Amino acid sequence: MTGFYLSGDMMGLDAISGSQHTHDAVALEDSEVCIISYATLATLSLHTPGLQTRLFRMLSSDISRDQGLMLLLGCMTAEQRVSAFLLTLSRRHQKLGYSADRFHLRMTREDIGSYLGLTLETVSRLLSRMQRDGLIRVQHREIELTDVEALKDVAGHW
Protein backbone atom coordinates (compact mmCIF):
# COMPACT_ATOMS: atom_id res chain seq x y z
CA MET A 1 0.00 0.00 0.00
CA THR A 2 1.67 3.20 -1.12
CA GLY A 3 -1.10 5.77 -1.01
CA PHE A 4 -4.72 6.75 -0.66
CA TYR A 5 -6.11 9.08 -3.27
CA LEU A 6 -8.95 11.53 -2.79
CA SER A 7 -11.06 13.43 -5.28
CA GLY A 8 -8.89 15.52 -7.58
CA ASP A 9 -5.66 13.67 -6.87
CA MET A 10 -3.56 12.60 -9.85
CA MET A 11 -2.61 8.94 -10.10
CA GLY A 12 -0.14 7.23 -12.38
CA LEU A 13 2.61 9.81 -12.17
CA ASP A 14 5.05 6.95 -11.64
CA ALA A 15 4.91 6.23 -15.39
CA ILE A 16 6.39 9.58 -16.41
CA SER A 17 9.99 8.53 -15.75
CA GLY A 18 9.91 5.00 -17.13
CA SER A 19 6.94 5.12 -19.53
CA GLN A 20 5.36 2.27 -17.59
CA HIS A 21 3.23 2.15 -14.45
CA THR A 22 4.93 0.46 -11.52
CA HIS A 23 1.81 0.31 -9.31
CA ASP A 24 -1.76 -0.92 -9.49
CA ALA A 25 -4.77 0.96 -8.15
CA VAL A 26 -7.82 -0.48 -6.44
CA ALA A 27 -10.92 1.66 -5.90
CA LEU A 28 -12.23 1.41 -2.34
CA GLU A 29 -15.57 2.93 -3.35
CA ASP A 30 -17.42 4.04 -6.48
CA SER A 31 -15.07 6.40 -8.28
CA GLU A 32 -14.63 8.36 -11.45
CA VAL A 33 -11.34 8.42 -13.29
CA CYS A 34 -10.31 10.70 -16.12
CA ILE A 35 -7.55 9.15 -18.21
CA ILE A 36 -5.19 11.57 -19.93
CA SER A 37 -2.14 10.38 -21.80
CA TYR A 38 1.17 11.99 -20.89
CA ALA A 39 1.59 13.31 -24.44
CA THR A 40 -1.82 15.00 -24.29
CA LEU A 41 -1.13 16.42 -20.85
CA ALA A 42 2.24 17.79 -21.99
CA THR A 43 0.67 19.42 -25.05
CA LEU A 44 -2.20 20.88 -23.05
CA SER A 45 0.19 22.29 -20.46
CA LEU A 46 2.03 24.20 -23.17
CA HIS A 47 -1.15 25.77 -24.55
CA THR A 48 -3.31 26.26 -21.48
CA PRO A 49 -2.36 29.10 -19.14
CA GLY A 50 -1.92 27.93 -15.57
CA LEU A 51 -2.10 24.21 -16.33
CA GLN A 52 1.66 23.74 -16.23
CA THR A 53 1.82 25.51 -12.86
CA ARG A 54 -1.01 23.34 -11.54
CA LEU A 55 0.70 20.21 -12.86
CA PHE A 56 3.99 21.15 -11.19
CA ARG A 57 2.15 21.76 -7.91
CA MET A 58 0.54 18.33 -8.14
CA LEU A 59 3.90 16.70 -8.84
CA SER A 60 5.45 18.57 -5.92
CA SER A 61 2.59 17.50 -3.67
CA ASP A 62 3.14 13.87 -4.67
CA ILE A 63 6.85 14.14 -3.90
CA SER A 64 6.13 15.78 -0.54
CA ARG A 65 3.61 13.07 0.34
CA ASP A 66 6.17 10.37 -0.50
CA GLN A 67 8.84 12.09 1.57
CA GLY A 68 6.35 12.40 4.43
CA LEU A 69 5.67 8.68 4.25
CA MET A 70 9.38 7.92 4.40
CA LEU A 71 9.64 10.11 7.49
CA LEU A 72 6.65 8.33 9.03
CA LEU A 73 8.13 4.91 8.42
CA GLY A 74 11.69 5.81 9.30
CA CYS A 75 11.66 7.63 12.59
CA MET A 76 8.21 7.77 14.15
CA THR A 77 6.63 5.53 16.73
CA ALA A 78 3.45 3.65 15.83
CA GLU A 79 1.34 6.17 17.76
CA GLN A 80 3.01 9.08 15.97
CA ARG A 81 2.40 7.41 12.59
CA VAL A 82 -1.32 6.92 13.19
CA SER A 83 -1.70 10.48 14.56
CA ALA A 84 0.16 11.97 11.59
CA PHE A 85 -1.91 9.86 9.20
CA LEU A 86 -5.17 11.16 10.68
CA LEU A 87 -3.93 14.76 10.63
CA THR A 88 -2.82 14.42 7.00
CA LEU A 89 -6.22 13.03 6.01
CA SER A 90 -7.85 15.88 7.91
CA ARG A 91 -5.84 18.50 5.96
CA ARG A 92 -6.55 16.80 2.66
CA HIS A 93 -10.30 16.71 3.35
CA GLN A 94 -10.22 20.37 4.39
CA LYS A 95 -8.43 21.34 1.14
CA LEU A 96 -11.28 19.67 -0.76
CA GLY A 97 -13.84 21.73 1.14
CA TYR A 98 -14.96 18.91 3.43
CA SER A 99 -14.94 18.75 7.20
CA ALA A 100 -11.44 18.57 8.64
CA ASP A 101 -12.70 17.19 11.94
CA ARG A 102 -15.07 14.46 10.81
CA PHE A 103 -14.62 12.09 7.88
CA HIS A 104 -15.19 8.57 6.68
CA LEU A 105 -12.19 6.28 6.40
CA ARG A 106 -12.53 4.62 3.02
CA MET A 107 -9.76 2.17 3.80
CA THR A 108 -9.68 -0.69 6.27
CA ARG A 109 -7.50 -0.72 9.35
CA GLU A 110 -5.46 -3.39 7.59
CA ASP A 111 -4.89 -1.01 4.64
CA ILE A 112 -3.84 1.73 7.05
CA GLY A 113 -1.44 -0.67 8.72
CA SER A 114 0.06 -1.70 5.40
CA TYR A 115 0.54 1.95 4.45
CA LEU A 116 2.11 2.87 7.80
CA GLY A 117 4.19 -0.30 8.22
CA LEU A 118 2.06 -1.48 11.16
CA THR A 119 -0.09 -4.51 11.86
CA LEU A 120 -3.87 -4.43 11.82
CA GLU A 121 -3.85 -5.13 15.56
CA THR A 122 -1.56 -2.18 16.27
CA VAL A 123 -3.72 0.23 14.27
CA SER A 124 -6.89 -1.01 16.00
CA ARG A 125 -5.29 -0.82 19.43
CA LEU A 126 -4.01 2.72 18.83
CA LEU A 127 -7.34 3.98 17.50
CA SER A 128 -9.04 2.50 20.58
CA ARG A 129 -6.50 4.14 22.88
CA MET A 130 -6.86 7.51 21.12
CA GLN A 131 -10.61 7.25 21.53
CA ARG A 132 -10.29 6.31 25.21
CA ASP A 133 -7.94 9.30 25.70
CA GLY A 134 -10.47 11.65 24.08
CA LEU A 135 -8.39 12.51 20.99
CA ILE A 136 -10.81 10.96 18.50
CA ARG A 137 -14.23 9.35 18.27
CA VAL A 138 -14.52 6.24 16.16
CA GLN A 139 -17.67 4.54 15.00
CA HIS A 140 -16.92 1.84 12.43
CA ARG A 141 -15.11 3.88 9.76
CA GLU A 142 -16.38 7.30 10.85
CA ILE A 143 -13.64 9.31 12.55
CA GLU A 144 -14.07 12.55 14.44
CA LEU A 145 -10.96 14.40 15.58
CA THR A 146 -12.00 15.75 18.97
CA ASP A 147 -8.63 17.10 20.15
CA VAL A 148 -6.52 18.15 17.16
CA GLU A 149 -3.89 19.89 19.31
CA ALA A 150 -3.31 16.73 21.33
CA LEU A 151 -3.02 14.72 18.08
CA LYS A 152 -0.42 17.22 16.87
CA ASP A 153 1.48 16.80 20.14
CA VAL A 154 1.43 13.01 19.73
CA ALA A 155 2.57 13.28 16.10
CA GLY A 156 5.33 15.71 17.01
CA HIS A 157 3.52 18.79 15.60
CA TRP A 158 3.11 17.11 12.23
C-alpha atoms as a PDB file:
ATOM      1  CA  MET A   1       0.000   0.000   0.000  1.00  0.00           C
ATOM      2  CA  THR A   2       1.666   3.197  -1.118  1.00  0.00           C
ATOM      3  CA  GLY A   3      -1.097   5.774  -1.006  1.00  0.00           C
ATOM      4  CA  PHE A   4      -4.720   6.752  -0.658  1.00  0.00           C
ATOM      5  CA  TYR A   5      -6.109   9.075  -3.272  1.00  0.00           C
ATOM      6  CA  LEU A   6      -8.947  11.528  -2.792  1.00  0.00           C
ATOM      7  CA  SER A   7     -11.061  13.428  -5.279  1.00  0.00           C
ATOM      8  CA  GLY A   8      -8.894  15.515  -7.582  1.00  0.00           C
ATOM      9  CA  ASP A   9      -5.656  13.666  -6.874  1.00  0.00           C
ATOM     10  CA  MET A  10      -3.563  12.595  -9.851  1.00  0.00           C
ATOM     11  CA  MET A  11      -2.614   8.944 -10.102  1.00  0.00           C
ATOM     12  CA  GLY A  12      -0.142   7.232 -12.375  1.00  0.00           C
ATOM     13  CA  LEU A  13       2.614   9.814 -12.174  1.00  0.00           C
ATOM     14  CA  ASP A  14       5.054   6.950 -11.645  1.00  0.00           C
ATOM     15  CA  ALA A  15       4.914   6.226 -15.392  1.00  0.00           C
ATOM     16  CA  ILE A  16       6.391   9.577 -16.414  1.00  0.00           C
ATOM     17  CA  SER A  17       9.989   8.532 -15.753  1.00  0.00           C
ATOM     18  CA  GLY A  18       9.910   4.997 -17.125  1.00  0.00           C
ATOM     19  CA  SER A  19       6.945   5.116 -19.526  1.00  0.00           C
ATOM     20  CA  GLN A  20       5.356   2.271 -17.589  1.00  0.00           C
ATOM     21  CA  HIS A  21       3.230   2.146 -14.455  1.00  0.00           C
ATOM     22  CA  THR A  22       4.927   0.465 -11.522  1.00  0.00           C
ATOM     23  CA  HIS A  23       1.814   0.305  -9.315  1.00  0.00           C
ATOM     24  CA  ASP A  24      -1.757  -0.918  -9.494  1.00  0.00           C
ATOM     25  CA  ALA A  25      -4.769   0.960  -8.149  1.00  0.00           C
ATOM     26  CA  VAL A  26      -7.823  -0.476  -6.443  1.00  0.00           C
ATOM     27  CA  ALA A  27     -10.924   1.660  -5.899  1.00  0.00           C
ATOM     28  CA  LEU A  28     -12.235   1.407  -2.345  1.00  0.00           C
ATOM     29  CA  GLU A  29     -15.570   2.934  -3.348  1.00  0.00           C
ATOM     30  CA  ASP A  30     -17.422   4.037  -6.479  1.00  0.00           C
ATOM     31  CA  SER A  31     -15.067   6.396  -8.281  1.00  0.00           C
ATOM     32  CA  GLU A  32     -14.631   8.362 -11.451  1.00  0.00           C
ATOM     33  CA  VAL A  33     -11.344   8.425 -13.295  1.00  0.00           C
ATOM     34  CA  CYS A  34     -10.313  10.696 -16.124  1.00  0.00           C
ATOM     35  CA  ILE A  35      -7.546   9.150 -18.212  1.00  0.00           C
ATOM     36  CA  ILE A  36      -5.189  11.571 -19.934  1.00  0.00           C
ATOM     37  CA  SER A  37      -2.135  10.380 -21.799  1.00  0.00           C
ATOM     38  CA  TYR A  38       1.168  11.989 -20.888  1.00  0.00           C
ATOM     39  CA  ALA A  39       1.592  13.312 -24.444  1.00  0.00           C
ATOM     40  CA  THR A  40      -1.822  14.996 -24.294  1.00  0.00           C
ATOM     41  CA  LEU A  41      -1.132  16.416 -20.854  1.00  0.00           C
ATOM     42  CA  ALA A  42       2.240  17.788 -21.986  1.00  0.00           C
ATOM     43  CA  THR A  43       0.674  19.418 -25.055  1.00  0.00           C
ATOM     44  CA  LEU A  44      -2.196  20.884 -23.053  1.00  0.00           C
ATOM     45  CA  SER A  45       0.193  22.287 -20.457  1.00  0.00           C
ATOM     46  CA  LEU A  46       2.030  24.198 -23.172  1.00  0.00           C
ATOM     47  CA  HIS A  47      -1.149  25.771 -24.546  1.00  0.00           C
ATOM     48  CA  THR A  48      -3.309  26.259 -21.479  1.00  0.00           C
ATOM     49  CA  PRO A  49      -2.355  29.099 -19.138  1.00  0.00           C
ATOM     50  CA  GLY A  50      -1.921  27.934 -15.569  1.00  0.00           C
ATOM     51  CA  LEU A  51      -2.101  24.208 -16.330  1.00  0.00           C
ATOM     52  CA  GLN A  52       1.660  23.738 -16.228  1.00  0.00           C
ATOM     53  CA  THR A  53       1.823  25.506 -12.855  1.00  0.00           C
ATOM     54  CA  ARG A  54      -1.013  23.339 -11.538  1.00  0.00           C
ATOM     55  CA  LEU A  55       0.701  20.208 -12.860  1.00  0.00           C
ATOM     56  CA  PHE A  56       3.994  21.150 -11.191  1.00  0.00           C
ATOM     57  CA  ARG A  57       2.151  21.763  -7.908  1.00  0.00           C
ATOM     58  CA  MET A  58       0.538  18.330  -8.138  1.00  0.00           C
ATOM     59  CA  LEU A  59       3.903  16.695  -8.836  1.00  0.00           C
ATOM     60  CA  SER A  60       5.450  18.575  -5.920  1.00  0.00           C
ATOM     61  CA  SER A  61       2.591  17.500  -3.672  1.00  0.00           C
ATOM     62  CA  ASP A  62       3.139  13.870  -4.673  1.00  0.00           C
ATOM     63  CA  ILE A  63       6.855  14.141  -3.900  1.00  0.00           C
ATOM     64  CA  SER A  64       6.129  15.781  -0.543  1.00  0.00           C
ATOM     65  CA  ARG A  65       3.613  13.066   0.337  1.00  0.00           C
ATOM     66  CA  ASP A  66       6.172  10.366  -0.500  1.00  0.00           C
ATOM     67  CA  GLN A  67       8.841  12.095   1.574  1.00  0.00           C
ATOM     68  CA  GLY A  68       6.354  12.400   4.432  1.00  0.00           C
ATOM     69  CA  LEU A  69       5.668   8.681   4.254  1.00  0.00           C
ATOM     70  CA  MET A  70       9.377   7.917   4.397  1.00  0.00           C
ATOM     71  CA  LEU A  71       9.644  10.114   7.490  1.00  0.00           C
ATOM     72  CA  LEU A  72       6.650   8.329   9.030  1.00  0.00           C
ATOM     73  CA  LEU A  73       8.131   4.909   8.423  1.00  0.00           C
ATOM     74  CA  GLY A  74      11.686   5.815   9.302  1.00  0.00           C
ATOM     75  CA  CYS A  75      11.661   7.629  12.591  1.00  0.00           C
ATOM     76  CA  MET A  76       8.209   7.769  14.152  1.00  0.00           C
ATOM     77  CA  THR A  77       6.628   5.526  16.733  1.00  0.00           C
ATOM     78  CA  ALA A  78       3.448   3.650  15.832  1.00  0.00           C
ATOM     79  CA  GLU A  79       1.337   6.172  17.758  1.00  0.00           C
ATOM     80  CA  GLN A  80       3.010   9.081  15.968  1.00  0.00           C
ATOM     81  CA  ARG A  81       2.401   7.407  12.592  1.00  0.00           C
ATOM     82  CA  VAL A  82      -1.324   6.925  13.195  1.00  0.00           C
ATOM     83  CA  SER A  83      -1.699  10.475  14.560  1.00  0.00           C
ATOM     84  CA  ALA A  84       0.164  11.973  11.593  1.00  0.00           C
ATOM     85  CA  PHE A  85      -1.907   9.856   9.200  1.00  0.00           C
ATOM     86  CA  LEU A  86      -5.170  11.159  10.682  1.00  0.00           C
ATOM     87  CA  LEU A  87      -3.925  14.757  10.631  1.00  0.00           C
ATOM     88  CA  THR A  88      -2.824  14.419   7.005  1.00  0.00           C
ATOM     89  CA  LEU A  89      -6.224  13.031   6.007  1.00  0.00           C
ATOM     90  CA  SER A  90      -7.847  15.879   7.908  1.00  0.00           C
ATOM     91  CA  ARG A  91      -5.837  18.496   5.961  1.00  0.00           C
ATOM     92  CA  ARG A  92      -6.548  16.798   2.656  1.00  0.00           C
ATOM     93  CA  HIS A  93     -10.296  16.711   3.354  1.00  0.00           C
ATOM     94  CA  GLN A  94     -10.220  20.366   4.387  1.00  0.00           C
ATOM     95  CA  LYS A  95      -8.435  21.344   1.139  1.00  0.00           C
ATOM     96  CA  LEU A  96     -11.283  19.666  -0.761  1.00  0.00           C
ATOM     97  CA  GLY A  97     -13.842  21.732   1.141  1.00  0.00           C
ATOM     98  CA  TYR A  98     -14.963  18.907   3.425  1.00  0.00           C
ATOM     99  CA  SER A  99     -14.942  18.749   7.199  1.00  0.00           C
ATOM    100  CA  ALA A 100     -11.440  18.566   8.644  1.00  0.00           C
ATOM    101  CA  ASP A 101     -12.701  17.186  11.945  1.00  0.00           C
ATOM    102  CA  ARG A 102     -15.071  14.464  10.813  1.00  0.00           C
ATOM    103  CA  PHE A 103     -14.622  12.094   7.885  1.00  0.00           C
ATOM    104  CA  HIS A 104     -15.194   8.570   6.682  1.00  0.00           C
ATOM    105  CA  LEU A 105     -12.185   6.277   6.398  1.00  0.00           C
ATOM    106  CA  ARG A 106     -12.531   4.616   3.016  1.00  0.00           C
ATOM    107  CA  MET A 107      -9.761   2.172   3.801  1.00  0.00           C
ATOM    108  CA  THR A 108      -9.684  -0.693   6.273  1.00  0.00           C
ATOM    109  CA  ARG A 109      -7.505  -0.717   9.349  1.00  0.00           C
ATOM    110  CA  GLU A 110      -5.461  -3.394   7.593  1.00  0.00           C
ATOM    111  CA  ASP A 111      -4.893  -1.014   4.641  1.00  0.00           C
ATOM    112  CA  ILE A 112      -3.839   1.733   7.045  1.00  0.00           C
ATOM    113  CA  GLY A 113      -1.443  -0.669   8.716  1.00  0.00           C
ATOM    114  CA  SER A 114       0.055  -1.702   5.398  1.00  0.00           C
ATOM    115  CA  TYR A 115       0.538   1.946   4.451  1.00  0.00           C
ATOM    116  CA  LEU A 116       2.109   2.867   7.797  1.00  0.00           C
ATOM    117  CA  GLY A 117       4.186  -0.296   8.224  1.00  0.00           C
ATOM    118  CA  LEU A 118       2.057  -1.482  11.159  1.00  0.00           C
ATOM    119  CA  THR A 119      -0.094  -4.515  11.864  1.00  0.00           C
ATOM    120  CA  LEU A 120      -3.875  -4.428  11.822  1.00  0.00           C
ATOM    121  CA  GLU A 121      -3.854  -5.129  15.564  1.00  0.00           C
ATOM    122  CA  THR A 122      -1.558  -2.178  16.275  1.00  0.00           C
ATOM    123  CA  VAL A 123      -3.719   0.227  14.271  1.00  0.00           C
ATOM    124  CA  SER A 124      -6.892  -1.013  15.996  1.00  0.00           C
ATOM    125  CA  ARG A 125      -5.288  -0.820  19.434  1.00  0.00           C
ATOM    126  CA  LEU A 126      -4.010   2.720  18.833  1.00  0.00           C
ATOM    127  CA  LEU A 127      -7.341   3.979  17.499  1.00  0.00           C
ATOM    128  CA  SER A 128      -9.040   2.497  20.577  1.00  0.00           C
ATOM    129  CA  ARG A 129      -6.495   4.142  22.878  1.00  0.00           C
ATOM    130  CA  MET A 130      -6.861   7.507  21.125  1.00  0.00           C
ATOM    131  CA  GLN A 131     -10.610   7.247  21.526  1.00  0.00           C
ATOM    132  CA  ARG A 132     -10.292   6.307  25.205  1.00  0.00           C
ATOM    133  CA  ASP A 133      -7.942   9.296  25.702  1.00  0.00           C
ATOM    134  CA  GLY A 134     -10.468  11.651  24.077  1.00  0.00           C
ATOM    135  CA  LEU A 135      -8.393  12.506  20.991  1.00  0.00           C
ATOM    136  CA  ILE A 136     -10.810  10.964  18.500  1.00  0.00           C
ATOM    137  CA  ARG A 137     -14.234   9.354  18.274  1.00  0.00           C
ATOM    138  CA  VAL A 138     -14.521   6.241  16.162  1.00  0.00           C
ATOM    139  CA  GLN A 139     -17.673   4.535  15.004  1.00  0.00           C
ATOM    140  CA  HIS A 140     -16.920   1.840  12.433  1.00  0.00           C
ATOM    141  CA  ARG A 141     -15.114   3.880   9.756  1.00  0.00           C
ATOM    142  CA  GLU A 142     -16.379   7.297  10.849  1.00  0.00           C
ATOM    143  CA  ILE A 143     -13.642   9.313  12.555  1.00  0.00           C
ATOM    144  CA  GLU A 144     -14.066  12.554  14.440  1.00  0.00           C
ATOM    145  CA  LEU A 145     -10.956  14.404  15.580  1.00  0.00           C
ATOM    146  CA  THR A 146     -12.003  15.753  18.972  1.00  0.00           C
ATOM    147  CA  ASP A 147      -8.627  17.105  20.145  1.00  0.00           C
ATOM    148  CA  VAL A 148      -6.516  18.153  17.164  1.00  0.00           C
ATOM    149  CA  GLU A 149      -3.895  19.893  19.306  1.00  0.00           C
ATOM    150  CA  ALA A 150      -3.309  16.729  21.330  1.00  0.00           C
ATOM    151  CA  LEU A 151      -3.025  14.723  18.085  1.00  0.00           C
ATOM    152  CA  LYS A 152      -0.420  17.222  16.866  1.00  0.00           C
ATOM    153  CA  ASP A 153       1.479  16.795  20.140  1.00  0.00           C
ATOM    154  CA  VAL A 154       1.426  13.011  19.731  1.00  0.00           C
ATOM    155  CA  ALA A 155       2.575  13.282  16.102  1.00  0.00           C
ATOM    156  CA  GLY A 156       5.332  15.705  17.013  1.00  0.00           C
ATOM    157  CA  HIS A 157       3.523  18.787  15.599  1.00  0.00           C
ATOM    158  CA  TRP A 158       3.115  17.107  12.231  1.00  0.00           C
END
